[in-house]
N, C-alpha and C. Protein backbone atom coordinates (compact mmCIF):
# COMPACT_ATOMS: atom_id res chain seq x y z
N MET A 1 -23.70 -10.40 0.49
CA MET A 1 -23.42 -11.80 0.37
C MET A 1 -21.96 -12.11 0.76
N LEU A 2 -21.04 -11.24 0.36
CA LEU A 2 -19.64 -11.48 0.69
C LEU A 2 -19.38 -11.47 2.19
N ARG A 3 -20.06 -10.59 2.92
CA ARG A 3 -19.83 -10.48 4.37
C ARG A 3 -20.19 -11.76 5.11
N ARG A 4 -21.05 -12.60 4.55
CA ARG A 4 -21.47 -13.84 5.21
C ARG A 4 -20.45 -14.96 5.07
N ARG A 5 -19.50 -14.82 4.18
CA ARG A 5 -18.48 -15.85 4.00
C ARG A 5 -17.56 -15.90 5.22
N GLN A 6 -17.27 -17.10 5.68
CA GLN A 6 -16.39 -17.24 6.84
C GLN A 6 -14.94 -16.91 6.50
N ASP A 7 -14.57 -16.99 5.25
CA ASP A 7 -13.19 -16.74 4.85
C ASP A 7 -12.99 -15.34 4.25
N ILE A 8 -13.93 -14.44 4.48
CA ILE A 8 -13.85 -13.11 3.86
C ILE A 8 -12.62 -12.34 4.33
N GLY A 9 -12.20 -12.52 5.59
CA GLY A 9 -10.99 -11.83 6.08
C GLY A 9 -9.76 -12.25 5.30
N PHE A 10 -9.65 -13.55 5.01
CA PHE A 10 -8.54 -14.05 4.21
C PHE A 10 -8.55 -13.41 2.82
N TRP A 11 -9.72 -13.37 2.21
CA TRP A 11 -9.81 -12.82 0.85
C TRP A 11 -9.56 -11.32 0.84
N LEU A 12 -9.95 -10.62 1.89
CA LEU A 12 -9.64 -9.20 1.98
C LEU A 12 -8.13 -8.99 2.05
N GLU A 13 -7.45 -9.77 2.89
CA GLU A 13 -5.99 -9.67 2.96
C GLU A 13 -5.35 -9.98 1.62
N GLN A 14 -5.88 -10.97 0.91
CA GLN A 14 -5.34 -11.31 -0.40
C GLN A 14 -5.54 -10.16 -1.40
N ALA A 15 -6.70 -9.52 -1.36
CA ALA A 15 -6.97 -8.40 -2.26
C ALA A 15 -6.02 -7.24 -1.97
N ILE A 16 -5.79 -6.97 -0.70
CA ILE A 16 -4.86 -5.89 -0.34
C ILE A 16 -3.43 -6.28 -0.73
N PHE A 17 -3.08 -7.54 -0.53
CA PHE A 17 -1.76 -8.02 -0.96
C PHE A 17 -1.57 -7.80 -2.46
N MET A 18 -2.57 -8.16 -3.25
CA MET A 18 -2.46 -8.00 -4.70
C MET A 18 -2.37 -6.52 -5.08
N SER A 19 -3.10 -5.68 -4.38
CA SER A 19 -3.00 -4.23 -4.64
C SER A 19 -1.61 -3.71 -4.30
N LEU A 20 -1.05 -4.16 -3.18
CA LEU A 20 0.30 -3.74 -2.81
C LEU A 20 1.33 -4.27 -3.81
N GLN A 21 1.16 -5.49 -4.27
CA GLN A 21 2.08 -6.05 -5.26
C GLN A 21 2.01 -5.27 -6.58
N THR A 22 0.81 -4.91 -6.99
CA THR A 22 0.65 -4.11 -8.21
C THR A 22 1.33 -2.76 -8.04
N TRP A 23 1.09 -2.13 -6.91
CA TRP A 23 1.72 -0.84 -6.64
C TRP A 23 3.24 -0.97 -6.65
N ARG A 24 3.76 -2.04 -6.02
CA ARG A 24 5.21 -2.25 -5.97
C ARG A 24 5.80 -2.43 -7.36
N SER A 25 5.07 -3.07 -8.26
CA SER A 25 5.60 -3.28 -9.61
C SER A 25 5.81 -1.96 -10.35
N LEU A 26 5.11 -0.92 -9.92
CA LEU A 26 5.24 0.40 -10.54
C LEU A 26 6.11 1.35 -9.72
N ASP A 27 6.55 0.91 -8.57
CA ASP A 27 7.27 1.73 -7.61
C ASP A 27 8.75 1.84 -7.98
N VAL A 28 9.19 3.03 -8.29
CA VAL A 28 10.60 3.21 -8.66
C VAL A 28 11.53 2.99 -7.47
N ALA A 29 11.03 3.14 -6.24
CA ALA A 29 11.86 2.92 -5.06
C ALA A 29 12.05 1.42 -4.77
N ARG A 30 11.27 0.59 -5.42
CA ARG A 30 11.35 -0.87 -5.26
C ARG A 30 11.29 -1.29 -3.79
N ARG A 31 10.28 -0.78 -3.10
CA ARG A 31 10.09 -1.18 -1.71
C ARG A 31 9.84 -2.68 -1.64
N ARG A 32 10.23 -3.28 -0.55
CA ARG A 32 10.03 -4.72 -0.36
C ARG A 32 8.81 -4.93 0.53
N LEU A 33 8.20 -6.08 0.36
CA LEU A 33 6.99 -6.41 1.10
C LEU A 33 7.23 -7.70 1.88
N TYR A 34 6.91 -7.66 3.18
CA TYR A 34 7.13 -8.81 4.05
C TYR A 34 5.90 -9.07 4.92
N TYR A 35 5.92 -10.22 5.56
CA TYR A 35 4.99 -10.62 6.60
C TYR A 35 5.85 -10.90 7.83
N TRP A 36 5.36 -10.58 9.02
CA TRP A 36 6.14 -10.81 10.23
C TRP A 36 5.30 -11.58 11.25
N ARG A 37 5.93 -12.57 11.87
CA ARG A 37 5.30 -13.35 12.95
C ARG A 37 6.41 -13.80 13.91
N ASP A 38 6.12 -13.69 15.22
CA ASP A 38 7.11 -14.15 16.19
C ASP A 38 6.68 -15.49 16.79
N ARG A 39 7.50 -16.03 17.65
CA ARG A 39 7.22 -17.35 18.24
C ARG A 39 6.01 -17.34 19.17
N SER A 40 5.64 -16.17 19.65
CA SER A 40 4.47 -16.05 20.54
C SER A 40 3.16 -15.94 19.77
N GLY A 41 3.25 -15.83 18.45
CA GLY A 41 2.04 -15.72 17.64
C GLY A 41 1.66 -14.30 17.26
N ASN A 42 2.43 -13.32 17.71
CA ASN A 42 2.19 -11.94 17.27
C ASN A 42 2.53 -11.85 15.79
N GLU A 43 1.76 -11.10 15.04
CA GLU A 43 2.02 -10.99 13.62
C GLU A 43 1.62 -9.62 13.08
N VAL A 44 2.22 -9.29 11.95
CA VAL A 44 1.87 -8.09 11.20
C VAL A 44 1.61 -8.57 9.77
N ASP A 45 0.47 -8.20 9.23
CA ASP A 45 0.08 -8.69 7.91
C ASP A 45 1.05 -8.27 6.81
N PHE A 46 1.46 -6.99 6.82
CA PHE A 46 2.35 -6.50 5.77
C PHE A 46 3.36 -5.52 6.35
N LEU A 47 4.60 -5.68 5.94
CA LEU A 47 5.66 -4.73 6.25
C LEU A 47 6.22 -4.24 4.93
N LEU A 48 6.17 -2.95 4.71
CA LEU A 48 6.79 -2.34 3.54
C LEU A 48 8.14 -1.80 3.98
N GLU A 49 9.17 -2.13 3.22
CA GLU A 49 10.52 -1.71 3.57
C GLU A 49 11.13 -0.92 2.42
N GLU A 50 11.71 0.21 2.78
CA GLU A 50 12.50 1.00 1.84
C GLU A 50 13.77 1.40 2.58
N GLY A 51 14.88 0.77 2.19
CA GLY A 51 16.13 1.01 2.91
C GLY A 51 15.98 0.56 4.35
N GLU A 52 16.19 1.48 5.29
CA GLU A 52 16.04 1.16 6.71
C GLU A 52 14.69 1.58 7.26
N ARG A 53 13.82 2.08 6.40
CA ARG A 53 12.50 2.52 6.84
C ARG A 53 11.47 1.41 6.64
N LEU A 54 10.59 1.26 7.64
CA LEU A 54 9.53 0.26 7.59
C LEU A 54 8.18 0.93 7.81
N LEU A 55 7.15 0.33 7.25
CA LEU A 55 5.77 0.70 7.52
C LEU A 55 5.02 -0.59 7.77
N ALA A 56 4.34 -0.69 8.90
CA ALA A 56 3.60 -1.90 9.27
C ALA A 56 2.12 -1.70 8.99
N LEU A 57 1.50 -2.69 8.33
CA LEU A 57 0.07 -2.64 8.01
C LEU A 57 -0.62 -3.88 8.53
N GLU A 58 -1.70 -3.68 9.24
CA GLU A 58 -2.54 -4.76 9.74
C GLU A 58 -3.91 -4.59 9.08
N VAL A 59 -4.51 -5.68 8.64
CA VAL A 59 -5.80 -5.63 7.93
C VAL A 59 -6.87 -6.27 8.81
N LYS A 60 -7.97 -5.55 9.01
CA LYS A 60 -9.10 -6.05 9.80
C LYS A 60 -10.39 -5.84 9.02
N LEU A 61 -11.25 -6.81 9.08
CA LEU A 61 -12.55 -6.73 8.42
C LEU A 61 -13.52 -5.86 9.20
N SER A 62 -13.33 -5.77 10.50
CA SER A 62 -14.27 -5.05 11.36
C SER A 62 -14.42 -3.59 10.95
N SER A 63 -15.53 -3.01 11.37
CA SER A 63 -15.83 -1.63 10.99
C SER A 63 -15.13 -0.61 11.88
N GLN A 64 -14.48 -1.07 12.95
CA GLN A 64 -13.75 -0.18 13.82
C GLN A 64 -12.46 -0.85 14.25
N ALA A 65 -11.41 -0.10 14.34
CA ALA A 65 -10.13 -0.64 14.80
C ALA A 65 -9.89 -0.19 16.23
N THR A 66 -9.29 -1.08 17.00
CA THR A 66 -8.97 -0.78 18.40
C THR A 66 -7.46 -0.92 18.62
N VAL A 67 -7.02 -0.53 19.78
CA VAL A 67 -5.61 -0.68 20.13
C VAL A 67 -5.22 -2.16 20.09
N ASP A 68 -6.13 -3.05 20.47
CA ASP A 68 -5.85 -4.49 20.42
C ASP A 68 -5.51 -4.94 19.00
N ASP A 69 -6.12 -4.30 18.00
CA ASP A 69 -5.84 -4.65 16.60
C ASP A 69 -4.42 -4.27 16.20
N ALA A 70 -3.81 -3.37 16.94
CA ALA A 70 -2.44 -2.94 16.66
C ALA A 70 -1.41 -3.73 17.48
N ALA A 71 -1.84 -4.78 18.15
CA ALA A 71 -0.95 -5.54 19.03
C ALA A 71 0.27 -6.09 18.30
N GLY A 72 0.09 -6.58 17.09
CA GLY A 72 1.22 -7.10 16.32
C GLY A 72 2.24 -6.02 15.99
N ILE A 73 1.75 -4.85 15.63
CA ILE A 73 2.64 -3.74 15.32
C ILE A 73 3.44 -3.34 16.56
N LEU A 74 2.76 -3.28 17.70
CA LEU A 74 3.43 -2.91 18.95
C LEU A 74 4.42 -3.99 19.38
N ALA A 75 4.09 -5.26 19.14
CA ALA A 75 5.02 -6.36 19.46
C ALA A 75 6.26 -6.29 18.56
N LEU A 76 6.06 -5.96 17.29
CA LEU A 76 7.20 -5.80 16.38
C LEU A 76 8.12 -4.69 16.86
N ARG A 77 7.56 -3.60 17.31
CA ARG A 77 8.38 -2.51 17.85
C ARG A 77 9.25 -2.99 19.00
N ARG A 78 8.67 -3.79 19.89
CA ARG A 78 9.43 -4.28 21.05
C ARG A 78 10.55 -5.22 20.60
N THR A 79 10.37 -5.91 19.48
CA THR A 79 11.34 -6.88 18.99
C THR A 79 12.52 -6.22 18.29
N LEU A 80 12.27 -5.12 17.60
CA LEU A 80 13.32 -4.44 16.85
C LEU A 80 14.36 -3.86 17.79
N LYS A 81 15.58 -3.89 17.38
CA LYS A 81 16.68 -3.46 18.25
C LYS A 81 17.27 -2.11 17.82
N THR A 82 16.46 -1.26 17.20
CA THR A 82 16.98 0.02 16.74
C THR A 82 16.47 1.16 17.60
N ARG A 83 17.14 2.28 17.51
CA ARG A 83 16.72 3.46 18.26
C ARG A 83 15.35 3.94 17.84
N THR A 84 15.01 3.75 16.57
CA THR A 84 13.77 4.29 16.05
C THR A 84 12.62 3.28 16.07
N ALA A 85 12.80 2.14 16.72
CA ALA A 85 11.75 1.12 16.75
C ALA A 85 10.44 1.67 17.32
N ALA A 86 10.53 2.52 18.33
CA ALA A 86 9.32 3.08 18.94
C ALA A 86 8.59 4.01 17.99
N GLU A 87 9.28 4.45 16.95
CA GLU A 87 8.67 5.34 15.97
C GLU A 87 8.20 4.61 14.72
N LEU A 88 8.31 3.28 14.71
CA LEU A 88 7.87 2.52 13.54
C LEU A 88 6.43 2.89 13.23
N PRO A 89 6.17 3.49 12.07
CA PRO A 89 4.80 3.85 11.75
C PRO A 89 3.99 2.62 11.37
N GLY A 90 2.71 2.68 11.69
CA GLY A 90 1.84 1.57 11.36
C GLY A 90 0.42 2.04 11.12
N ALA A 91 -0.33 1.18 10.46
CA ALA A 91 -1.74 1.45 10.22
C ALA A 91 -2.53 0.17 10.35
N VAL A 92 -3.68 0.28 10.99
CA VAL A 92 -4.64 -0.81 11.02
C VAL A 92 -5.72 -0.42 10.02
N LEU A 93 -5.77 -1.15 8.92
CA LEU A 93 -6.77 -0.89 7.88
C LEU A 93 -8.04 -1.61 8.28
N HIS A 94 -9.15 -0.88 8.34
CA HIS A 94 -10.42 -1.45 8.81
C HIS A 94 -11.56 -1.11 7.85
N GLY A 95 -12.71 -1.73 8.08
CA GLY A 95 -13.84 -1.58 7.18
C GLY A 95 -14.74 -0.40 7.45
N GLY A 96 -14.40 0.43 8.39
CA GLY A 96 -15.23 1.60 8.71
C GLY A 96 -14.81 2.82 7.91
N ASP A 97 -15.24 3.98 8.40
CA ASP A 97 -14.94 5.23 7.71
C ASP A 97 -14.00 6.13 8.49
N GLY A 98 -13.82 5.87 9.76
CA GLY A 98 -13.07 6.78 10.60
C GLY A 98 -11.57 6.64 10.51
N VAL A 99 -10.89 7.75 10.75
CA VAL A 99 -9.43 7.79 10.85
C VAL A 99 -9.12 8.31 12.25
N ARG A 100 -8.27 7.57 12.99
CA ARG A 100 -7.91 8.03 14.33
C ARG A 100 -6.61 7.38 14.77
N ALA A 101 -5.99 7.98 15.75
CA ALA A 101 -4.76 7.42 16.31
C ALA A 101 -5.10 6.29 17.25
N LEU A 102 -4.33 5.20 17.18
CA LEU A 102 -4.49 4.07 18.09
C LEU A 102 -3.36 4.02 19.11
N ALA A 103 -2.20 4.47 18.70
CA ALA A 103 -1.01 4.54 19.55
C ALA A 103 -0.09 5.54 18.86
N GLU A 104 1.03 5.83 19.49
CA GLU A 104 1.95 6.78 18.88
C GLU A 104 2.44 6.23 17.54
N HIS A 105 2.22 6.97 16.47
CA HIS A 105 2.62 6.62 15.11
C HIS A 105 1.85 5.42 14.54
N VAL A 106 0.72 5.07 15.14
CA VAL A 106 -0.12 3.98 14.63
C VAL A 106 -1.55 4.51 14.49
N PHE A 107 -2.09 4.37 13.28
CA PHE A 107 -3.39 4.95 12.99
C PHE A 107 -4.36 3.91 12.45
N ALA A 108 -5.64 4.13 12.73
CA ALA A 108 -6.71 3.34 12.14
C ALA A 108 -7.13 4.07 10.87
N LEU A 109 -7.08 3.37 9.74
CA LEU A 109 -7.43 3.95 8.45
C LEU A 109 -8.39 3.02 7.73
N PRO A 110 -9.39 3.55 7.02
CA PRO A 110 -10.30 2.68 6.28
C PRO A 110 -9.64 2.08 5.05
N TRP A 111 -9.87 0.79 4.83
CA TRP A 111 -9.34 0.15 3.62
C TRP A 111 -10.26 0.34 2.44
N ARG A 112 -11.47 0.84 2.64
CA ARG A 112 -12.45 0.98 1.56
C ARG A 112 -11.95 1.82 0.37
N TRP A 113 -11.06 2.76 0.66
CA TRP A 113 -10.57 3.59 -0.45
C TRP A 113 -9.83 2.75 -1.47
N LEU A 114 -9.34 1.57 -1.08
CA LEU A 114 -8.69 0.68 -2.04
C LEU A 114 -9.70 -0.03 -2.92
N PHE A 115 -10.88 -0.32 -2.36
CA PHE A 115 -11.91 -1.12 -3.03
C PHE A 115 -13.27 -0.47 -2.88
N PRO A 116 -13.53 0.68 -3.45
CA PRO A 116 -14.79 1.39 -3.21
C PRO A 116 -16.06 0.56 -3.48
N PRO A 117 -16.12 -0.21 -4.58
CA PRO A 117 -17.37 -0.94 -4.81
C PRO A 117 -17.48 -2.25 -4.04
N LEU A 118 -16.37 -2.73 -3.49
CA LEU A 118 -16.34 -4.03 -2.82
C LEU A 118 -16.97 -3.95 -1.44
N LEU A 119 -17.79 -4.88 -1.10
CA LEU A 119 -18.41 -5.00 0.20
C LEU A 119 -19.21 -3.77 0.59
N GLY A 120 -19.72 -3.06 -0.36
CA GLY A 120 -20.45 -1.84 -0.09
C GLY A 120 -21.80 -2.04 0.40
């Protein structure tokens, strides 16, 4: 029934946001959580920051992630002006089961481990 909702992608992002916020409240490193969007419309759903280190997370409802799903992460890399921008790690969280590389330091990972009974 949940999969038929037109706004299910929004609610999935909200559920992951709440999980990240809960995790951050217990995190002794006090990582910061951001959203990124540029003037061209490229965006990254979540950026976790600890000092000068970043981790980019993109959330997709689809059962498979593609390189196109990592476009925001790759655009963010091009925008950053640091030597290590090309090494910015990222993950596209998707509704499938597979784990695979999408680009250098960018992986497709299932989000189901966060919500095992949800959307099963």
